[in-house]
Amino acid sequence: MKFTVALDGPAAAGKGTIGRAVAKHFGFGYLDTGLLYRAVGIKALEIGRGVIDPQVAARIAATLSETDLGRDDLRSTMAGQAASKVAAIPEVRAALLDFQKTFARREGGAVLDGRDIGTVICPQAEVKIFVTASDEVRAKRRLLELQEKNPSLTFEKVLADLAARDARDAGRDTAPMKAAEDALLLDTTKLSIDAAVAEAVALIQKRIG
């Protein structure tokens, strides 16, 4: 069976947690497309010594390996900011497009999460869900996630970083972050993880029939 679930939304809205849980529930494959861009971004920063060169980023995207995707610093704030920057480079998006499209139509079903899955990568996905939450709640979640490795990190800093990233992701010319016209909205602001997952599962199950 080929069945694609497209999960889109801003950072820390919960789409990754929901995506992994949904994939496990239905036995689908799961791809966090943000990791692709984080891996390209952090590697481009290293090669450019803090500066991202578009041509270098495109070459990295074309030769991305499983080792690159297994780095333990891909969840850092730096990687997230770098991901947002390289994701705005058309050549990088083009290099990663085929990989994502092939995964989406894998036998046995697939769940992909990102920012343009339902609009660009998988416009024909059987289920499209746009996951969102308030800025404050997203900042609190991200702070809890990052504070162990960076105790000096503040709520205000995280909130500002999220706002800057949202603006870049939604304002870029190529594949901006937005909900597909036929996407279902899932606001996780007041939902527990279990409740958010349950809602997503119910939406998907209804489509599967």
C-alpha atoms as a PDB file:
ATOM      1  CA  MET A   1       0.000   0.000   0.000  1.00  0.00           C
ATOM      2  CA  LYS A   2       1.189   3.483  -0.865  1.00  0.00           C
ATOM      3  CA  PHE A   3      -0.217   6.076   1.505  1.00  0.00           C
ATOM      4  CA  THR A   4       1.351   9.443   2.300  1.00  0.00           C
ATOM      5  CA  VAL A   5       0.791  11.592   5.363  1.00  0.00           C
ATOM      6  CA  ALA A   6       2.127  15.154   5.033  1.00  0.00           C
ATOM      7  CA  LEU A   7       2.731  17.042   8.274  1.00  0.00           C
ATOM      8  CA  ASP A   8       3.639  20.721   8.022  1.00  0.00           C
ATOM      9  CA  GLY A   9       4.009  23.542  10.503  1.00  0.00           C
ATOM     10  CA  PRO A  10       6.436  25.811  12.345  1.00  0.00           C
ATOM     11  CA  ALA A  11       9.227  24.695  14.666  1.00  0.00           C
ATOM     12  CA  ALA A  12       8.245  23.209  18.061  1.00  0.00           C
ATOM     13  CA  ALA A  13       4.577  22.880  17.128  1.00  0.00           C
ATOM     14  CA  GLY A  14       4.834  19.151  17.744  1.00  0.00           C
ATOM     15  CA  LYS A  15       4.810  17.761  14.223  1.00  0.00           C
ATOM     16  CA  GLY A  16       7.949  15.654  14.748  1.00  0.00           C
ATOM     17  CA  THR A  17       6.594  13.993  17.885  1.00  0.00           C
ATOM     18  CA  ILE A  18       3.247  13.439  16.197  1.00  0.00           C
ATOM     19  CA  GLY A  19       4.912  12.167  13.015  1.00  0.00           C
ATOM     20  CA  ARG A  20       6.981   9.533  14.797  1.00  0.00           C
ATOM     21  CA  ALA A  21       4.005   8.352  16.853  1.00  0.00           C
ATOM     22  CA  VAL A  22       1.695   8.192  13.843  1.00  0.00           C
ATOM     23  CA  ALA A  23       4.265   6.273  11.802  1.00  0.00           C
ATOM     24  CA  LYS A  24       4.681   3.767  14.623  1.00  0.00           C
ATOM     25  CA  HIS A  25       0.922   3.388  15.068  1.00  0.00           C
ATOM     26  CA  PHE A  26       0.271   2.591  11.410  1.00  0.00           C
ATOM     27  CA  GLY A  27       3.582   0.908  10.630  1.00  0.00           C
ATOM     28  CA  PHE A  28       4.545   3.608   8.114  1.00  0.00           C
ATOM     29  CA  GLY A  29       8.036   4.814   7.322  1.00  0.00           C
ATOM     30  CA  TYR A  30       8.950   8.192   8.846  1.00  0.00           C
ATOM     31  CA  LEU A  31      11.089  11.010   7.498  1.00  0.00           C
ATOM     32  CA  ASP A  32      11.881  14.222   9.358  1.00  0.00           C
ATOM     33  CA  THR A  33      12.713  16.342   6.325  1.00  0.00           C
ATOM     34  CA  GLY A  34      13.993  19.095   8.586  1.00  0.00           C
ATOM     35  CA  LEU A  35      16.968  16.894   9.435  1.00  0.00           C
ATOM     36  CA  LEU A  36      18.001  16.950   5.773  1.00  0.00           C
ATOM     37  CA  TYR A  37      18.228  20.732   5.835  1.00  0.00           C
ATOM     38  CA  ARG A  38      19.803  20.818   9.287  1.00  0.00           C
ATOM     39  CA  ALA A  39      22.519  18.421   8.099  1.00  0.00           C
ATOM     40  CA  VAL A  40      23.192  20.506   4.997  1.00  0.00           C
ATOM     41  CA  GLY A  41      23.138  23.748   6.980  1.00  0.00           C
ATOM     42  CA  ILE A  42      25.504  22.725   9.767  1.00  0.00           C
ATOM     43  CA  LYS A  43      27.965  21.177   7.330  1.00  0.00           C
ATOM     44  CA  ALA A  44      27.870  24.286   5.130  1.00  0.00           C
ATOM     45  CA  LEU A  45      28.585  26.447   8.172  1.00  0.00           C
ATOM     46  CA  GLU A  46      31.601  24.304   9.059  1.00  0.00           C
ATOM     47  CA  ILE A  47      33.036  24.405   5.555  1.00  0.00           C
ATOM     48  CA  GLY A  48      32.387  28.141   5.248  1.00  0.00           C
ATOM     49  CA  ARG A  49      33.655  28.838   8.781  1.00  0.00           C
ATOM     50  CA  GLY A  50      30.404  30.413   9.873  1.00  0.00           C
ATOM     51  CA  VAL A  51      29.243  31.598   6.455  1.00  0.00           C
ATOM     52  CA  ILE A  52      26.864  29.644   4.216  1.00  0.00           C
ATOM     53  CA  ASP A  53      27.833  29.680   0.548  1.00  0.00           C
ATOM     54  CA  PRO A  54      24.857  28.678  -1.670  1.00  0.00           C
ATOM     55  CA  GLN A  55      26.999  26.684  -4.115  1.00  0.00           C
ATOM     56  CA  VAL A  56      28.694  24.777  -1.302  1.00  0.00           C
ATOM     57  CA  ALA A  57      25.319  24.057   0.320  1.00  0.00           C
ATOM     58  CA  ALA A  58      23.948  22.731  -2.979  1.00  0.00           C
ATOM     59  CA  ARG A  59      26.923  20.369  -3.388  1.00  0.00           C
ATOM     60  CA  ILE A  60      26.455  19.096   0.153  1.00  0.00           C
ATOM     61  CA  ALA A  61      22.746  18.493  -0.475  1.00  0.00           C
ATOM     62  CA  ALA A  62      23.540  16.472  -3.591  1.00  0.00           C
ATOM     63  CA  THR A  63      25.927  14.180  -1.688  1.00  0.00           C
ATOM     64  CA  LEU A  64      24.241  13.967   1.716  1.00  0.00           C
ATOM     65  CA  SER A  65      24.990  10.695   3.522  1.00  0.00           C
ATOM     66  CA  GLU A  66      23.457   8.714   6.385  1.00  0.00           C
ATOM     67  CA  THR A  67      26.459   9.711   8.487  1.00  0.00           C
ATOM     68  CA  ASP A  68      25.524  13.367   7.987  1.00  0.00           C
ATOM     69  CA  LEU A  69      21.983  12.623   9.159  1.00  0.00           C
ATOM     70  CA  GLY A  70      23.267  10.835  12.257  1.00  0.00           C
ATOM     71  CA  ARG A  71      25.147  13.778  13.766  1.00  0.00           C
ATOM     72  CA  ASP A  72      24.241  14.500  17.375  1.00  0.00           C
ATOM     73  CA  ASP A  73      24.232  18.286  16.919  1.00  0.00           C
ATOM     74  CA  LEU A  74      21.400  18.463  14.403  1.00  0.00           C
ATOM     75  CA  ARG A  75      18.918  19.502  17.104  1.00  0.00           C
ATOM     76  CA  SER A  76      20.977  22.514  18.176  1.00  0.00           C
ATOM     77  CA  THR A  77      19.753  26.071  17.746  1.00  0.00           C
ATOM     78  CA  MET A  78      22.621  26.720  15.340  1.00  0.00           C
ATOM     79  CA  ALA A  79      21.587  23.804  13.133  1.00  0.00           C
ATOM     80  CA  GLY A  80      17.988  25.003  13.135  1.00  0.00           C
ATOM     81  CA  GLN A  81      18.925  28.512  12.067  1.00  0.00           C
ATOM     82  CA  ALA A  82      21.290  27.150   9.402  1.00  0.00           C
ATOM     83  CA  ALA A  83      18.546  24.848   8.120  1.00  0.00           C
ATOM     84  CA  SER A  84      16.204  27.777   7.651  1.00  0.00           C
ATOM     85  CA  LYS A  85      18.854  29.613   5.624  1.00  0.00           C
ATOM     86  CA  VAL A  86      19.831  26.757   3.298  1.00  0.00           C
ATOM     87  CA  ALA A  87      16.159  25.824   2.833  1.00  0.00           C
ATOM     88  CA  ALA A  88      15.730  29.157   1.051  1.00  0.00           C
ATOM     89  CA  ILE A  89      18.340  28.182  -1.567  1.00  0.00           C
ATOM     90  CA  PRO A  90      16.535  26.769  -4.655  1.00  0.00           C
ATOM     91  CA  GLU A  91      19.476  24.522  -5.606  1.00  0.00           C
ATOM     92  CA  VAL A  92      19.454  22.878  -2.189  1.00  0.00           C
ATOM     93  CA  ARG A  93      15.720  22.224  -2.330  1.00  0.00           C
ATOM     94  CA  ALA A  94      16.046  20.777  -5.827  1.00  0.00           C
ATOM     95  CA  ALA A  95      18.842  18.420  -4.753  1.00  0.00           C
ATOM     96  CA  LEU A  96      16.753  17.036  -1.880  1.00  0.00           C
ATOM     97  CA  LEU A  97      13.431  16.913  -3.735  1.00  0.00           C
ATOM     98  CA  ASP A  98      13.770  13.515  -5.421  1.00  0.00           C
ATOM     99  CA  PHE A  99      14.850  11.811  -2.194  1.00  0.00           C
ATOM    100  CA  GLN A 100      11.765  13.077  -0.397  1.00  0.00           C
ATOM    101  CA  LYS A 101       9.340  12.273  -3.218  1.00  0.00           C
ATOM    102  CA  THR A 102      10.646   8.715  -3.510  1.00  0.00           C
ATOM    103  CA  PHE A 103      10.354   8.163   0.234  1.00  0.00           C
ATOM    104  CA  ALA A 104       6.815   9.534   0.244  1.00  0.00           C
ATOM    105  CA  ARG A 105       5.589   6.872  -2.189  1.00  0.00           C
ATOM    106  CA  ARG A 106       7.431   3.966  -0.598  1.00  0.00           C
ATOM    107  CA  GLU A 107       5.518   0.723  -0.279  1.00  0.00           C
ATOM    108  CA  GLY A 108       3.914   0.351   3.131  1.00  0.00           C
ATOM    109  CA  GLY A 109       3.053   4.011   3.705  1.00  0.00           C
ATOM    110  CA  ALA A 110       5.064   7.060   4.729  1.00  0.00           C
ATOM    111  CA  VAL A 111       4.859  10.029   7.071  1.00  0.00           C
ATOM    112  CA  LEU A 112       6.899  13.121   6.223  1.00  0.00           C
ATOM    113  CA  ASP A 113       7.108  16.266   8.302  1.00  0.00           C
ATOM    114  CA  GLY A 114       8.466  19.630   7.288  1.00  0.00           C
ATOM    115  CA  ARG A 115       7.221  22.979   6.051  1.00  0.00           C
ATOM    116  CA  ASP A 116       6.325  22.380   2.396  1.00  0.00           C
ATOM    117  CA  ILE A 117       5.349  18.700   2.340  1.00  0.00           C
ATOM    118  CA  GLY A 118       1.692  19.204   1.517  1.00  0.00           C
ATOM    119  CA  THR A 119       2.283  22.101  -0.866  1.00  0.00           C
ATOM    120  CA  VAL A 120       5.448  21.145  -2.775  1.00  0.00           C
ATOM    121  CA  ILE A 121       6.861  17.722  -1.929  1.00  0.00           C
ATOM    122  CA  CYS A 122       3.624  15.728  -1.756  1.00  0.00           C
ATOM    123  CA  PRO A 123       0.706  17.816  -3.062  1.00  0.00           C
ATOM    124  CA  GLN A 124      -1.180  14.572  -3.756  1.00  0.00           C
ATOM    125  CA  ALA A 125      -0.713  13.182  -0.221  1.00  0.00           C
ATOM    126  CA  GLU A 126      -3.710  11.245   1.031  1.00  0.00           C
ATOM    127  CA  VAL A 127      -3.656  13.167   4.321  1.00  0.00           C
ATOM    128  CA  LYS A 128      -2.314  16.685   4.930  1.00  0.00           C
ATOM    129  CA  ILE A 129      -2.149  18.126   8.427  1.00  0.00           C
ATOM    130  CA  PHE A 130      -0.830  21.557   9.384  1.00  0.00           C
ATOM    131  CA  VAL A 131       0.373  21.423  12.994  1.00  0.00           C
ATOM    132  CA  THR A 132       0.577  24.707  14.863  1.00  0.00           C
ATOM    133  CA  ALA A 133       0.714  26.184  18.386  1.00  0.00           C
ATOM    134  CA  SER A 134       1.063  29.607  19.969  1.00  0.00           C
ATOM    135  CA  ASP A 135       4.474  31.294  19.862  1.00  0.00           C
ATOM    136  CA  GLU A 136       4.772  31.235  23.648  1.00  0.00           C
ATOM    137  CA  VAL A 137       3.997  27.534  23.970  1.00  0.00           C
ATOM    138  CA  ARG A 138       6.404  26.660  21.169  1.00  0.00           C
ATOM    139  CA  ALA A 139       9.152  28.702  22.821  1.00  0.00           C
ATOM    140  CA  LYS A 140       8.596  26.954  26.163  1.00  0.00           C
ATOM    141  CA  ARG A 141       8.795  23.553  24.488  1.00  0.00           C
ATOM    142  CA  ARG A 142      11.967  24.416  22.625  1.00  0.00           C
ATOM    143  CA  LEU A 143      13.556  25.898  25.761  1.00  0.00           C
ATOM    144  CA  LEU A 144      12.952  22.651  27.674  1.00  0.00           C
ATOM    145  CA  GLU A 145      14.464  20.728  24.782  1.00  0.00           C
ATOM    146  CA  LEU A 146      17.627  22.836  24.559  1.00  0.00           C
ATOM    147  CA  GLN A 147      18.249  24.042  28.102  1.00  0.00           C
ATOM    148  CA  GLU A 148      19.979  20.865  29.288  1.00  0.00           C
ATOM    149  CA  LYS A 149      22.782  21.404  26.784  1.00  0.00           C
ATOM    150  CA  ASN A 150      22.691  25.186  27.093  1.00  0.00           C
ATOM    151  CA  PRO A 151      21.668  26.215  30.653  1.00  0.00           C
ATOM    152  CA  SER A 152      22.205  29.911  29.919  1.00  0.00           C
ATOM    153  CA  LEU A 153      19.545  29.917  27.210  1.00  0.00           C
ATOM    154  CA  THR A 154      16.586  32.176  28.016  1.00  0.00           C
ATOM    155  CA  PHE A 155      12.913  32.071  27.060  1.00  0.00           C
ATOM    156  CA  GLU A 156      13.233  35.489  25.398  1.00  0.00           C
ATOM    157  CA  LYS A 157      16.142  34.291  23.245  1.00  0.00           C
ATOM    158  CA  VAL A 158      14.302  31.157  22.143  1.00  0.00           C
ATOM    159  CA  LEU A 159      11.144  33.138  21.388  1.00  0.00           C
ATOM    160  CA  ALA A 160      13.111  35.619  19.287  1.00  0.00           C
ATOM    161  CA  ASP A 161      14.883  32.817  17.402  1.00  0.00           C
ATOM    162  CA  LEU A 162      11.562  31.121  16.634  1.00  0.00           C
ATOM    163  CA  ALA A 163      10.047  34.387  15.414  1.00  0.00           C
ATOM    164  CA  ALA A 164      13.026  35.010  13.126  1.00  0.00           C
ATOM    165  CA  ARG A 165      12.881  31.495  11.766  1.00  0.00           C
ATOM    166  CA  ASP A 166       9.119  31.649  11.195  1.00  0.00           C
ATOM    167  CA  ALA A 167       9.583  34.876   9.233  1.00  0.00           C
ATOM    168  CA  ARG A 168      12.286  33.326   7.030  1.00  0.00           C
ATOM    169  CA  ASP A 169      10.364  30.114   6.457  1.00  0.00           C
ATOM    170  CA  ALA A 170       7.094  31.837   5.620  1.00  0.00           C
ATOM    171  CA  GLY A 171       8.670  34.660   3.621  1.00  0.00           C
ATOM    172  CA  ARG A 172      11.102  32.810   1.378  1.00  0.00           C
ATOM    173  CA  ASP A 173      10.431  32.890  -2.364  1.00  0.00           C
ATOM    174  CA  THR A 174      10.950  29.160  -2.861  1.00  0.00           C
ATOM    175  CA  ALA A 175       8.465  26.804  -1.170  1.00  0.00           C
ATOM    176  CA  PRO A 176       7.418  29.029   1.723  1.00  0.00           C
ATOM    177  CA  MET A 177       5.924  27.488   4.844  1.00  0.00           C
ATOM    178  CA  LYS A 178       2.153  27.549   4.604  1.00  0.00           C
ATOM    179  CA  ALA A 179      -0.793  25.233   5.012  1.00  0.00           C
ATOM    180  CA  ALA A 180      -2.020  23.501   1.886  1.00  0.00           C
ATOM    181  CA  GLU A 181      -5.525  24.581   0.895  1.00  0.00           C
ATOM    182  CA  ASP A 182      -6.876  21.126   1.737  1.00  0.00           C
ATOM    183  CA  ALA A 183      -4.806  20.610   4.903  1.00  0.00           C
ATOM    184  CA  LEU A 184      -6.462  19.873   8.221  1.00  0.00           C
ATOM    185  CA  LEU A 185      -5.436  22.212  11.048  1.00  0.00           C
ATOM    186  CA  LEU A 186      -4.189  20.677  14.300  1.00  0.00           C
ATOM    187  CA  ASP A 187      -3.539  23.275  17.023  1.00  0.00           C
ATOM    188  CA  THR A 188      -1.522  21.673  19.818  1.00  0.00           C
ATOM    189  CA  THR A 189      -1.352  24.739  22.076  1.00  0.00           C
ATOM    190  CA  LYS A 190      -3.622  23.242  24.735  1.00  0.00           C
ATOM    191  CA  LEU A 191      -3.160  19.559  23.881  1.00  0.00           C
ATOM    192  CA  SER A 192      -1.014  16.972  25.634  1.00  0.00           C
ATOM    193  CA  ILE A 193       1.231  14.834  23.446  1.00  0.00           C
ATOM    194  CA  ASP A 194      -1.147  11.877  23.743  1.00  0.00           C
ATOM    195  CA  ALA A 195      -4.160  14.007  22.839  1.00  0.00           C
ATOM    196  CA  ALA A 196      -2.429  15.549  19.821  1.00  0.00           C
ATOM    197  CA  VAL A 197      -1.333  12.132  18.561  1.00  0.00           C
ATOM    198  CA  ALA A 198      -4.828  10.736  19.086  1.00  0.00           C
ATOM    199  CA  GLU A 199      -6.329  13.531  16.984  1.00  0.00           C
ATOM    200  CA  ALA A 200      -3.848  12.921  14.181  1.00  0.00           C
ATOM    201  CA  VAL A 201      -4.429   9.159  14.269  1.00  0.00           C
ATOM    202  CA  ALA A 202      -8.185   9.689  14.094  1.00  0.00           C
ATOM    203  CA  LEU A 203      -7.846  12.006  11.090  1.00  0.00           C
ATOM    204  CA  ILE A 204      -5.668   9.501   9.247  1.00  0.00           C
ATOM    205  CA  GLN A 205      -7.777   6.495  10.184  1.00  0.00           C
ATOM    206  CA  LYS A 206     -10.861   8.226   8.833  1.00  0.00           C
ATOM    207  CA  ARG A 207      -9.123   8.699   5.462  1.00  0.00           C
ATOM    208  CA  ILE A 208      -7.838   5.121   5.393  1.00  0.00           C
ATOM    209  CA  GLY A 209     -11.343   3.926   6.142  1.00  0.00           C
END
